[in-house]
Amino acid sequence: ASECNFHQVNSNYTPHSRAVVQHYLKEGGLLDLEVRWRKHFVDTMRPQHLPKLWSLTHQEERLGVKAAENRIDQEQYLLATQGASEDIDLEEYRKHSRS
């Protein structure tokens, strides 16, 4: 370890957060991640004072309303709810979705 060059860029490195997002994009959409995270939170922390309208599927419900009212980009809605059949370069996707 003392011989490592910490200034050398590792072109194969993928940040954990990006790997997680990529996984969920391939496996059914980002909403699955959110629901699992919220369920884990409830099961682990057993909160006693959540807001009245708090739910495991809040974001899914919210996006459904936005989609029904045409207030969300259809491509983004499908990524969130169904994922993607191929790898997506998230940095490139963000650049193009902002323009």
Foldseek 3Di string as FASTA:
>chain_A
DVPDDPVDDDPPDDDPVRVVLQVQLQVFAQLVVQLVVVVCCCVPVVDDDDDPPDDSNVVVVVLVVCVVVVNDDPVNSCSHGGHDNDGDPVVVVVVVVVD
